[in-house]
Every structure is written in structure tokens, then in C-alpha cells.
PDB file of all heavy atoms in Angstrom:
ATOM      1  N   GLU A   1     -14.579   2.260   1.026  1.00  0.00           N
ATOM      2  CA  GLU A   1     -14.415   2.235  -0.441  1.00  0.00           C
ATOM      3  C   GLU A   1     -15.076   3.445  -1.069  1.00  0.00           C
ATOM      4  O   GLU A   1     -16.214   3.789  -0.745  1.00  0.00           O
ATOM      5  CB  GLU A   1     -15.045   0.959  -1.033  1.00  0.00           C
ATOM      6  CG  GLU A   1     -14.754   0.823  -2.535  1.00  0.00           C
ATOM      7  CD  GLU A   1     -15.384  -0.460  -3.097  1.00  0.00           C
ATOM      8  OE1 GLU A   1     -16.351  -0.974  -2.470  1.00  0.00           O
ATOM      9  OE2 GLU A   1     -14.926  -0.915  -4.118  1.00  0.00           O
ATOM     10  N   TYR A   2     -14.308   4.174  -1.926  1.00  0.00           N
ATOM     11  CA  TYR A   2     -14.827   5.346  -2.563  1.00  0.00           C
ATOM     12  C   TYR A   2     -14.741   5.177  -4.074  1.00  0.00           C
ATOM     13  O   TYR A   2     -13.838   4.497  -4.595  1.00  0.00           O
ATOM     14  CB  TYR A   2     -14.005   6.587  -2.163  1.00  0.00           C
ATOM     15  CG  TYR A   2     -14.042   6.898  -0.678  1.00  0.00           C
ATOM     16  CD1 TYR A   2     -13.044   6.423   0.168  1.00  0.00           C
ATOM     17  CD2 TYR A   2     -15.069   7.676  -0.140  1.00  0.00           C
ATOM     18  CE1 TYR A   2     -13.071   6.687   1.543  1.00  0.00           C
ATOM     19  CE2 TYR A   2     -15.110   7.939   1.210  1.00  0.00           C
ATOM     20  CZ  TYR A   2     -14.115   7.432   2.060  1.00  0.00           C
ATOM     21  OH  TYR A   2     -14.143   7.720   3.417  1.00  0.00           O
ATOM     22  N   THR A   3     -15.661   5.869  -4.777  1.00  0.00           N
ATOM     23  CA  THR A   3     -15.556   5.966  -6.261  1.00  0.00           C
ATOM     24  C   THR A   3     -14.831   7.256  -6.574  1.00  0.00           C
ATOM     25  O   THR A   3     -15.283   8.341  -6.189  1.00  0.00           O
ATOM     26  CB  THR A   3     -16.951   5.974  -6.876  1.00  0.00           C
ATOM     27  OG1 THR A   3     -17.609   4.758  -6.561  1.00  0.00           O
ATOM     28  CG2 THR A   3     -16.843   6.080  -8.370  1.00  0.00           C
ATOM     29  N   VAL A   4     -13.720   7.134  -7.251  1.00  0.00           N
ATOM     30  CA  VAL A   4     -12.888   8.321  -7.566  1.00  0.00           C
ATOM     31  C   VAL A   4     -12.553   8.323  -9.047  1.00  0.00           C
ATOM     32  O   VAL A   4     -12.704   7.322  -9.738  1.00  0.00           O
ATOM     33  CB  VAL A   4     -11.591   8.304  -6.744  1.00  0.00           C
ATOM     34  CG1 VAL A   4     -11.872   8.364  -5.242  1.00  0.00           C
ATOM     35  CG2 VAL A   4     -10.729   7.054  -7.079  1.00  0.00           C
ATOM     36  N   THR A   5     -12.085   9.454  -9.525  1.00  0.00           N
ATOM     37  CA  THR A   5     -11.599   9.599 -10.889  1.00  0.00           C
ATOM     38  C   THR A   5     -10.094   9.906 -10.837  1.00  0.00           C
ATOM     39  O   THR A   5      -9.721  10.896 -10.223  1.00  0.00           O
ATOM     40  CB  THR A   5     -12.320  10.716 -11.617  1.00  0.00           C
ATOM     41  OG1 THR A   5     -13.708  10.436 -11.661  1.00  0.00           O
ATOM     42  CG2 THR A   5     -11.850  10.859 -13.056  1.00  0.00           C
ATOM     43  N   VAL A   6      -9.333   9.038 -11.408  1.00  0.00           N
ATOM     44  CA  VAL A   6      -7.878   9.164 -11.402  1.00  0.00           C
ATOM     45  C   VAL A   6      -7.368   9.338 -12.829  1.00  0.00           C
ATOM     46  O   VAL A   6      -7.587   8.469 -13.642  1.00  0.00           O
ATOM     47  CB  VAL A   6      -7.214   7.942 -10.725  1.00  0.00           C
ATOM     48  CG1 VAL A   6      -5.694   8.087 -10.778  1.00  0.00           C
ATOM     49  CG2 VAL A   6      -7.702   7.775  -9.326  1.00  0.00           C
ATOM     50  N   ASP A   7      -6.767  10.496 -13.091  1.00  0.00           N
ATOM     51  CA  ASP A   7      -6.246  10.781 -14.437  1.00  0.00           C
ATOM     52  C   ASP A   7      -7.306  10.560 -15.511  1.00  0.00           C
ATOM     53  O   ASP A   7      -7.057   9.993 -16.571  1.00  0.00           O
ATOM     54  CB  ASP A   7      -4.992   9.970 -14.711  1.00  0.00           C
ATOM     55  CG  ASP A   7      -3.854  10.280 -13.793  1.00  0.00           C
ATOM     56  OD1 ASP A   7      -3.781  11.480 -13.358  1.00  0.00           O
ATOM     57  OD2 ASP A   7      -3.023   9.444 -13.508  1.00  0.00           O
ATOM     58  N   GLY A   8      -8.536  10.952 -15.193  1.00  0.00           N
ATOM     59  CA  GLY A   8      -9.637  10.894 -16.156  1.00  0.00           C
ATOM     60  C   GLY A   8     -10.371   9.588 -16.252  1.00  0.00           C
ATOM     61  O   GLY A   8     -11.323   9.452 -16.958  1.00  0.00           O
ATOM     62  N   ALA A   9      -9.958   8.554 -15.468  1.00  0.00           N
ATOM     63  CA  ALA A   9     -10.628   7.235 -15.509  1.00  0.00           C
ATOM     64  C   ALA A   9     -11.290   6.962 -14.171  1.00  0.00           C
ATOM     65  O   ALA A   9     -10.663   7.176 -13.087  1.00  0.00           O
ATOM     66  CB  ALA A   9      -9.618   6.159 -15.850  1.00  0.00           C
ATOM     67  N   ALA A  10     -12.547   6.524 -14.231  1.00  0.00           N
ATOM     68  CA  ALA A  10     -13.255   6.192 -12.976  1.00  0.00           C
ATOM     69  C   ALA A  10     -12.789   4.896 -12.399  1.00  0.00           C
ATOM     70  O   ALA A  10     -12.585   3.908 -13.132  1.00  0.00           O
ATOM     71  CB  ALA A  10     -14.771   6.150 -13.215  1.00  0.00           C
ATOM     72  N   THR A  11     -12.610   4.821 -11.075  1.00  0.00           N
ATOM     73  CA  THR A  11     -12.140   3.621 -10.439  1.00  0.00           C
ATOM     74  C   THR A  11     -12.598   3.636  -8.951  1.00  0.00           C
ATOM     75  O   THR A  11     -13.256   4.599  -8.551  1.00  0.00           O
ATOM     76  CB  THR A  11     -10.616   3.479 -10.483  1.00  0.00           C
ATOM     77  OG1 THR A  11     -10.199   2.185  -9.947  1.00  0.00           O
ATOM     78  CG2 THR A  11      -9.929   4.596  -9.743  1.00  0.00           C
ATOM     79  N   THR A  12     -12.272   2.611  -8.204  1.00  0.00           N
ATOM     80  CA  THR A  12     -12.567   2.608  -6.770  1.00  0.00           C
ATOM     81  C   THR A  12     -11.298   2.610  -5.961  1.00  0.00           C
ATOM     82  O   THR A  12     -10.277   2.095  -6.419  1.00  0.00           O
ATOM     83  CB  THR A  12     -13.410   1.376  -6.412  1.00  0.00           C
ATOM     84  OG1 THR A  12     -12.679   0.184  -6.787  1.00  0.00           O
ATOM     85  CG2 THR A  12     -14.758   1.376  -7.099  1.00  0.00           C
ATOM     86  N   ALA A  13     -11.344   3.150  -4.765  1.00  0.00           N
ATOM     87  CA  ALA A  13     -10.168   3.194  -3.911  1.00  0.00           C
ATOM     88  C   ALA A  13     -10.622   3.050  -2.436  1.00  0.00           C
ATOM     89  O   ALA A  13     -11.684   3.537  -2.063  1.00  0.00           O
ATOM     90  CB  ALA A  13      -9.412   4.525  -4.095  1.00  0.00           C
ATOM     91  N   TRP A  14      -9.761   2.343  -1.678  1.00  0.00           N
ATOM     92  CA  TRP A  14     -10.024   2.176  -0.220  1.00  0.00           C
ATOM     93  C   TRP A  14      -9.138   3.172   0.522  1.00  0.00           C
ATOM     94  O   TRP A  14      -7.970   3.338   0.213  1.00  0.00           O
ATOM     95  CB  TRP A  14      -9.671   0.749   0.218  1.00  0.00           C
ATOM     96  CG  TRP A  14     -10.651  -0.265  -0.334  1.00  0.00           C
ATOM     97  CD1 TRP A  14     -10.587  -0.867  -1.531  1.00  0.00           C
ATOM     98  CD2 TRP A  14     -11.825  -0.779   0.383  1.00  0.00           C
ATOM     99  NE1 TRP A  14     -11.650  -1.742  -1.662  1.00  0.00           N
ATOM    100  CE2 TRP A  14     -12.405  -1.734  -0.510  1.00  0.00           C
ATOM    101  CE3 TRP A  14     -12.383  -0.584   1.607  1.00  0.00           C
ATOM    102  CZ2 TRP A  14     -13.534  -2.420  -0.171  1.00  0.00           C
ATOM    103  CZ3 TRP A  14     -13.532  -1.255   1.952  1.00  0.00           C
ATOM    104  CH2 TRP A  14     -14.095  -2.188   1.088  1.00  0.00           C
ATOM    105  N   SER A  15      -9.721   3.783   1.540  1.00  0.00           N
ATOM    106  CA  SER A  15      -8.931   4.774   2.308  1.00  0.00           C
ATOM    107  C   SER A  15      -9.462   4.821   3.746  1.00  0.00           C
ATOM    108  O   SER A  15     -10.623   4.647   4.021  1.00  0.00           O
ATOM    109  CB  SER A  15      -9.078   6.145   1.685  1.00  0.00           C
ATOM    110  OG  SER A  15      -8.328   7.120   2.424  1.00  0.00           O
ATOM    111  N   THR A  16      -8.473   5.070   4.646  1.00  0.00           N
ATOM    112  CA  THR A  16      -8.820   5.268   6.071  1.00  0.00           C
ATOM    113  C   THR A  16      -8.770   6.760   6.448  1.00  0.00           C
ATOM    114  O   THR A  16      -8.900   7.110   7.622  1.00  0.00           O
ATOM    115  CB  THR A  16      -7.808   4.489   6.959  1.00  0.00           C
ATOM    116  OG1 THR A  16      -6.489   5.002   6.685  1.00  0.00           O
ATOM    117  CG2 THR A  16      -7.871   3.045   6.671  1.00  0.00           C
ATOM    118  N   ALA A  17      -8.592   7.653   5.423  1.00  0.00           N
ATOM    119  CA  ALA A  17      -8.551   9.096   5.696  1.00  0.00           C
ATOM    120  C   ALA A  17      -9.811   9.580   6.277  1.00  0.00           C
ATOM    121  O   ALA A  17     -10.913   9.060   5.948  1.00  0.00           O
ATOM    122  CB  ALA A  17      -8.193   9.814   4.427  1.00  0.00           C
ATOM    123  N   SER A  18      -9.762  10.585   7.113  1.00  0.00           N
ATOM    124  CA  SER A  18     -10.937  11.109   7.778  1.00  0.00           C
ATOM    125  C   SER A  18     -11.529  12.310   7.026  1.00  0.00           C
ATOM    126  O   SER A  18     -12.587  12.819   7.420  1.00  0.00           O
ATOM    127  CB  SER A  18     -10.602  11.531   9.190  1.00  0.00           C
ATOM    128  OG  SER A  18      -9.567  12.548   9.162  1.00  0.00           O
ATOM    129  N   THR A  19     -10.862  12.757   5.930  1.00  0.00           N
ATOM    130  CA  THR A  19     -11.417  13.905   5.131  1.00  0.00           C
ATOM    131  C   THR A  19     -11.398  13.499   3.683  1.00  0.00           C
ATOM    132  O   THR A  19     -10.618  12.574   3.233  1.00  0.00           O
ATOM    133  CB  THR A  19     -10.567  15.150   5.329  1.00  0.00           C
ATOM    134  OG1 THR A  19      -9.234  14.929   4.792  1.00  0.00           O
ATOM    135  CG2 THR A  19     -10.437  15.545   6.796  1.00  0.00           C
ATOM    136  N   VAL A  20     -12.242  14.173   2.882  1.00  0.00           N
ATOM    137  CA  VAL A  20     -12.276  13.930   1.463  1.00  0.00           C
ATOM    138  C   VAL A  20     -10.968  14.290   0.803  1.00  0.00           C
ATOM    139  O   VAL A  20     -10.429  13.578  -0.033  1.00  0.00           O
ATOM    140  CB  VAL A  20     -13.431  14.729   0.785  1.00  0.00           C
ATOM    141  CG1 VAL A  20     -13.486  14.483  -0.715  1.00  0.00           C
ATOM    142  CG2 VAL A  20     -14.772  14.397   1.423  1.00  0.00           C
ATOM    143  N   SER A  21     -10.398  15.375   1.241  1.00  0.00           N
ATOM    144  CA  SER A  21      -9.096  15.812   0.699  1.00  0.00           C
ATOM    145  C   SER A  21      -8.009  14.792   1.032  1.00  0.00           C
ATOM    146  O   SER A  21      -7.141  14.496   0.191  1.00  0.00           O
ATOM    147  CB  SER A  21      -8.715  17.178   1.312  1.00  0.00           C
ATOM    148  OG  SER A  21      -7.447  17.585   0.817  1.00  0.00           O
ATOM    149  N   GLY A  22      -8.111  14.185   2.214  1.00  0.00           N
ATOM    150  CA  GLY A  22      -7.135  13.169   2.593  1.00  0.00           C
ATOM    151  C   GLY A  22      -7.241  11.937   1.731  1.00  0.00           C
ATOM    152  O   GLY A  22      -6.226  11.288   1.420  1.00  0.00           O
ATOM    153  N   VAL A  23      -8.446  11.573   1.315  1.00  0.00           N
ATOM    154  CA  VAL A  23      -8.618  10.411   0.431  1.00  0.00           C
ATOM    155  C   VAL A  23      -7.896  10.640  -0.891  1.00  0.00           C
ATOM    156  O   VAL A  23      -7.176   9.806  -1.398  1.00  0.00           O
ATOM    157  CB  VAL A  23     -10.107  10.156   0.192  1.00  0.00           C
ATOM    158  CG1 VAL A  23     -10.309   9.059  -0.866  1.00  0.00           C
ATOM    159  CG2 VAL A  23     -10.805   9.741   1.475  1.00  0.00           C
ATOM    160  N   LEU A  24      -8.063  11.871  -1.464  1.00  0.00           N
ATOM    161  CA  LEU A  24      -7.455  12.148  -2.737  1.00  0.00           C
ATOM    162  C   LEU A  24      -5.943  12.329  -2.628  1.00  0.00           C
ATOM    163  O   LEU A  24      -5.198  11.887  -3.553  1.00  0.00           O
ATOM    164  CB  LEU A  24      -8.071  13.453  -3.311  1.00  0.00           C
ATOM    165  CG  LEU A  24      -9.572  13.390  -3.621  1.00  0.00           C
ATOM    166  CD1 LEU A  24     -10.047  14.743  -4.145  1.00  0.00           C
ATOM    167  CD2 LEU A  24      -9.902  12.282  -4.590  1.00  0.00           C
ATOM    168  N   ASN A  25      -5.470  12.903  -1.555  1.00  0.00           N
ATOM    169  CA  ASN A  25      -4.041  13.086  -1.377  1.00  0.00           C
ATOM    170  C   ASN A  25      -3.266  11.764  -1.305  1.00  0.00           C
ATOM    171  O   ASN A  25      -2.098  11.658  -1.662  1.00  0.00           O
ATOM    172  CB  ASN A  25      -3.715  13.920  -0.152  1.00  0.00           C
ATOM    173  CG  ASN A  25      -4.067  15.401  -0.373  1.00  0.00           C
ATOM    174  OD1 ASN A  25      -4.005  15.880  -1.486  1.00  0.00           O
ATOM    175  ND2 ASN A  25      -4.413  16.070   0.684  1.00  0.00           N
ATOM    176  N   ALA A  26      -3.950  10.705  -0.856  1.00  0.00           N
ATOM    177  CA  ALA A  26      -3.313   9.401  -0.680  1.00  0.00           C
ATOM    178  C   ALA A  26      -3.208   8.657  -2.009  1.00  0.00           C
ATOM    179  O   ALA A  26      -2.523   7.641  -2.109  1.00  0.00           O
ATOM    180  CB  ALA A  26      -4.047   8.560   0.334  1.00  0.00           C
ATOM    181  N   LEU A  27      -3.901   9.153  -3.032  1.00  0.00           N
ATOM    182  CA  LEU A  27      -3.881   8.450  -4.356  1.00  0.00           C
ATOM    183  C   LEU A  27      -2.583   8.738  -5.109  1.00  0.00           C
ATOM    184  O   LEU A  27      -2.120   9.893  -5.109  1.00  0.00           O
ATOM    185  CB  LEU A  27      -5.077   8.837  -5.188  1.00  0.00           C
ATOM    186  CG  LEU A  27      -6.449   8.500  -4.633  1.00  0.00           C
ATOM    187  CD1 LEU A  27      -7.548   9.075  -5.485  1.00  0.00           C
ATOM    188  CD2 LEU A  27      -6.615   6.975  -4.559  1.00  0.00           C
ATOM    189  N   PRO A  28      -2.003   7.718  -5.735  1.00  0.00           N
ATOM    190  CA  PRO A  28      -0.771   7.910  -6.504  1.00  0.00           C
ATOM    191  C   PRO A  28      -1.036   8.515  -7.870  1.00  0.00           C
ATOM    192  O   PRO A  28      -0.830   7.869  -8.921  1.00  0.00           O
ATOM    193  CB  PRO A  28      -0.154   6.508  -6.607  1.00  0.00           C
ATOM    194  CG  PRO A  28      -1.390   5.644  -6.633  1.00  0.00           C
ATOM    195  CD  PRO A  28      -2.386   6.324  -5.729  1.00  0.00           C
ATOM    196  N   ALA A  29      -1.571   9.774  -7.916  1.00  0.00           N
ATOM    197  CA  ALA A  29      -1.896  10.372  -9.196  1.00  0.00           C
ATOM    198  C   ALA A  29      -1.753  11.891  -9.066  1.00  0.00           C
ATOM    199  O   ALA A  29      -1.916  12.465  -8.018  1.00  0.00           O
ATOM    200  CB  ALA A  29      -3.324  10.028  -9.608  1.00  0.00           C
ATOM    201  N   GLN A  30      -1.410  12.527 -10.210  1.00  0.00           N
ATOM    202  CA  GLN A  30      -1.287  13.997 -10.239  1.00  0.00           C
ATOM    203  C   GLN A  30      -2.654  14.639 -10.213  1.00  0.00           C
ATOM    204  O   GLN A  30      -2.807  15.733  -9.621  1.00  0.00           O
ATOM    205  CB  GLN A  30      -0.537  14.397 -11.505  1.00  0.00           C
ATOM    206  CG  GLN A  30       0.957  14.163 -11.456  1.00  0.00           C
ATOM    207  CD  GLN A  30       1.628  14.988 -10.345  1.00  0.00           C
ATOM    208  OE1 GLN A  30       1.349  16.196 -10.187  1.00  0.00           O
ATOM    209  NE2 GLN A  30       2.526  14.340  -9.626  1.00  0.00           N
ATOM    210  N   ALA A  31      -3.660  14.031 -10.816  1.00  0.00           N
ATOM    211  CA  ALA A  31      -4.978  14.625 -10.881  1.00  0.00           C
ATOM    212  C   ALA A  31      -5.997  13.595 -10.488  1.00  0.00           C
ATOM    213  O   ALA A  31      -6.050  12.473 -11.035  1.00  0.00           O
ATOM    214  CB  ALA A  31      -5.272  15.138 -12.295  1.00  0.00           C
ATOM    215  N   SER A  32      -6.824  13.931  -9.471  1.00  0.00           N
ATOM    216  CA  SER A  32      -7.879  12.961  -9.040  1.00  0.00           C
ATOM    217  C   SER A  32      -9.059  13.783  -8.517  1.00  0.00           C
ATOM    218  O   SER A  32      -8.934  14.964  -8.167  1.00  0.00           O
ATOM    219  CB  SER A  32      -7.324  12.066  -7.937  1.00  0.00           C
ATOM    220  OG  SER A  32      -6.813  12.823  -6.855  1.00  0.00           O
ATOM    221  N   SER A  33     -10.254  13.139  -8.448  1.00  0.00           N
ATOM    222  CA  SER A  33     -11.415  13.860  -7.981  1.00  0.00           C
ATOM    223  C   SER A  33     -12.418  12.820  -7.485  1.00  0.00           C
ATOM    224  O   SER A  33     -12.359  11.635  -7.827  1.00  0.00           O
ATOM    225  CB  SER A  33     -12.060  14.703  -9.090  1.00  0.00           C
ATOM    226  OG  SER A  33     -12.493  13.871 -10.134  1.00  0.00           O
ATOM    227  N   MET A  34     -13.364  13.292  -6.672  1.00  0.00           N
ATOM    228  CA  MET A  34     -14.447  12.453  -6.193  1.00  0.00           C
ATOM    229  C   MET A  34     -15.606  13.331  -5.761  1.00  0.00           C
ATOM    230  O   MET A  34     -15.440  14.562  -5.530  1.00  0.00           O
ATOM    231  CB  MET A  34     -14.003  11.563  -5.037  1.00  0.00           C
ATOM    232  CG  MET A  34     -13.603  12.306  -3.782  1.00  0.00           C
ATOM    233  SD  MET A  34     -13.096  11.182  -2.448  1.00  0.00           S
ATOM    234  CE  MET A  34     -14.646  10.474  -1.949  1.00  0.00           C
ATOM    235  N   ALA A  35     -16.778  12.772  -5.677  1.00  0.00           N
ATOM    236  CA  ALA A  35     -17.967  13.522  -5.272  1.00  0.00           C
ATOM    237  C   ALA A  35     -17.797  14.004  -3.838  1.00  0.00           C
ATOM    238  O   ALA A  35     -17.441  13.213  -2.983  1.00  0.00           O
ATOM    239  CB  ALA A  35     -19.228  12.696  -5.444  1.00  0.00           C
ATOM    240  N   ALA A  36     -18.058  15.278  -3.632  1.00  0.00           N
ATOM    241  CA  ALA A  36     -17.974  15.799  -2.264  1.00  0.00           C
ATOM    242  C   ALA A  36     -19.157  15.279  -1.457  1.00  0.00           C
ATOM    243  O   ALA A  36     -20.284  15.153  -1.970  1.00  0.00           O
ATOM    244  CB  ALA A  36     -17.961  17.326  -2.285  1.00  0.00           C
ATOM    245  N   ASP A  37     -18.913  14.975  -0.174  1.00  0.00           N
ATOM    246  CA  ASP A  37     -19.942  14.385   0.700  1.00  0.00           C
ATOM    247  C   ASP A  37     -21.008  15.485   0.998  1.00  0.00           C
ATOM    248  O   ASP A  37     -20.702  16.538   1.536  1.00  0.00           O
ATOM    249  CB  ASP A  37     -19.307  13.930   1.970  1.00  0.00           C
ATOM    250  CG  ASP A  37     -20.319  13.164   2.861  1.00  0.00           C
ATOM    251  OD1 ASP A  37     -21.371  12.792   2.300  1.00  0.00           O
ATOM    252  OD2 ASP A  37     -20.068  13.011   4.053  1.00  0.00           O
ATOM    253  N   ARG A  38     -22.273  15.178   0.639  1.00  0.00           N
ATOM    254  CA  ARG A  38     -23.410  16.050   0.980  1.00  0.00           C
ATOM    255  C   ARG A  38     -24.515  15.173   1.491  1.00  0.00           C
ATOM    256  O   ARG A  38     -25.000  14.253   0.806  1.00  0.00           O
ATOM    257  CB  ARG A  38     -23.916  16.863  -0.229  1.00  0.00           C
ATOM    258  CG  ARG A  38     -22.969  17.918  -0.704  1.00  0.00           C
ATOM    259  CD  ARG A  38     -23.683  18.915  -1.609  1.00  0.00           C
ATOM    260  NE  ARG A  38     -24.096  18.278  -2.846  1.00  0.00           N
ATOM    261  CZ  ARG A  38     -25.020  18.827  -3.649  1.00  0.00           C
ATOM    262  NH1 ARG A  38     -25.605  19.943  -3.364  1.00  0.00           N
ATOM    263  NH2 ARG A  38     -25.324  18.225  -4.802  1.00  0.00           N
ATOM    264  N   SER A  39     -24.953  15.408   2.747  1.00  0.00           N
ATOM    265  CA  SER A  39     -25.977  14.559   3.323  1.00  0.00           C
ATOM    266  C   SER A  39     -26.921  15.437   4.124  1.00  0.00           C
ATOM    267  O   SER A  39     -26.497  16.389   4.832  1.00  0.00           O
ATOM    268  CB  SER A  39     -25.395  13.468   4.205  1.00  0.00           C
ATOM    269  OG  SER A  39     -26.426  12.740   4.827  1.00  0.00           O
ATOM    270  N   TYR A  40     -28.223  15.091   4.081  1.00  0.00           N
ATOM    271  CA  TYR A  40     -29.225  15.781   4.850  1.00  0.00           C
ATOM    272  C   TYR A  40     -29.632  14.986   6.061  1.00  0.00           C
ATOM    273  O   TYR A  40     -30.484  15.425   6.866  1.00  0.00           O
ATOM    274  CB  TYR A  40     -30.442  16.119   3.983  1.00  0.00           C
ATOM    275  CG  TYR A  40     -30.146  16.937   2.780  1.00  0.00           C
ATOM    276  CD1 TYR A  40     -30.020  16.324   1.517  1.00  0.00           C
ATOM    277  CD2 TYR A  40     -29.943  18.316   2.840  1.00  0.00           C
ATOM    278  CE1 TYR A  40     -29.721  17.090   0.371  1.00  0.00           C
ATOM    279  CE2 TYR A  40     -29.612  19.056   1.752  1.00  0.00           C
ATOM    280  CZ  TYR A  40     -29.524  18.450   0.519  1.00  0.00           C
ATOM    281  OH  TYR A  40     -29.194  19.188  -0.626  1.00  0.00           O
ATOM    282  N   THR A  41     -29.109  13.770   6.199  1.00  0.00           N
ATOM    283  CA  THR A  41     -29.556  12.878   7.274  1.00  0.00           C
ATOM    284  C   THR A  41     -28.409  12.476   8.223  1.00  0.00           C
ATOM    285  O   THR A  41     -28.690  11.796   9.220  1.00  0.00           O
ATOM    286  CB  THR A  41     -30.190  11.601   6.707  1.00  0.00           C
ATOM    287  OG1 THR A  41     -29.203  10.923   5.905  1.00  0.00           O
ATOM    288  CG2 THR A  41     -31.384  11.947   5.834  1.00  0.00           C
ATOM    289  N   ARG A  42     -27.159  12.822   7.929  1.00  0.00           N
ATOM    290  CA  ARG A  42     -26.056  12.417   8.781  1.00  0.00           C
ATOM    291  C   ARG A  42     -24.987  13.501   8.696  1.00  0.00           C
ATOM    292  O   ARG A  42     -25.052  14.422   7.860  1.00  0.00           O
ATOM    293  CB  ARG A  42     -25.452  11.109   8.323  1.00  0.00           C
ATOM    294  CG  ARG A  42     -25.014  11.126   6.865  1.00  0.00           C
ATOM    295  CD  ARG A  42     -24.307   9.792   6.482  1.00  0.00           C
ATOM    296  NE  ARG A  42     -24.038   9.769   5.037  1.00  0.00           N
ATOM    297  CZ  ARG A  42     -23.103  10.426   4.443  1.00  0.00           C
ATOM    298  NH1 ARG A  42     -22.311  11.249   5.113  1.00  0.00           N
ATOM    299  NH2 ARG A  42     -22.931  10.299   3.128  1.00  0.00           N
TER     300      ARG A  42
END
């Protein structure tokens, strides 16, 4: 489960994609975004 922004509205989406870009590409929207994964422990 990811927190994403779709057409300006925040929502949640489930995805099996292995990349952040893949998660967004699977969304049925022209414009979407999500926080890029940044981790210092994994």
C-alpha cells in the first residue's frame, strides 16, 4: 500500500510494481506523484 497523489488529491493505492515509477504508471490518471523512497537502514 502506497500513499499517492492523483490529480491533486491524496489517496492510497496497492501495487505489486517493483519500482516507484511502475507504481505511478499503473494508476489510471494523467498526473500522479508519491514520495520517492529514501532509506538509511535498508
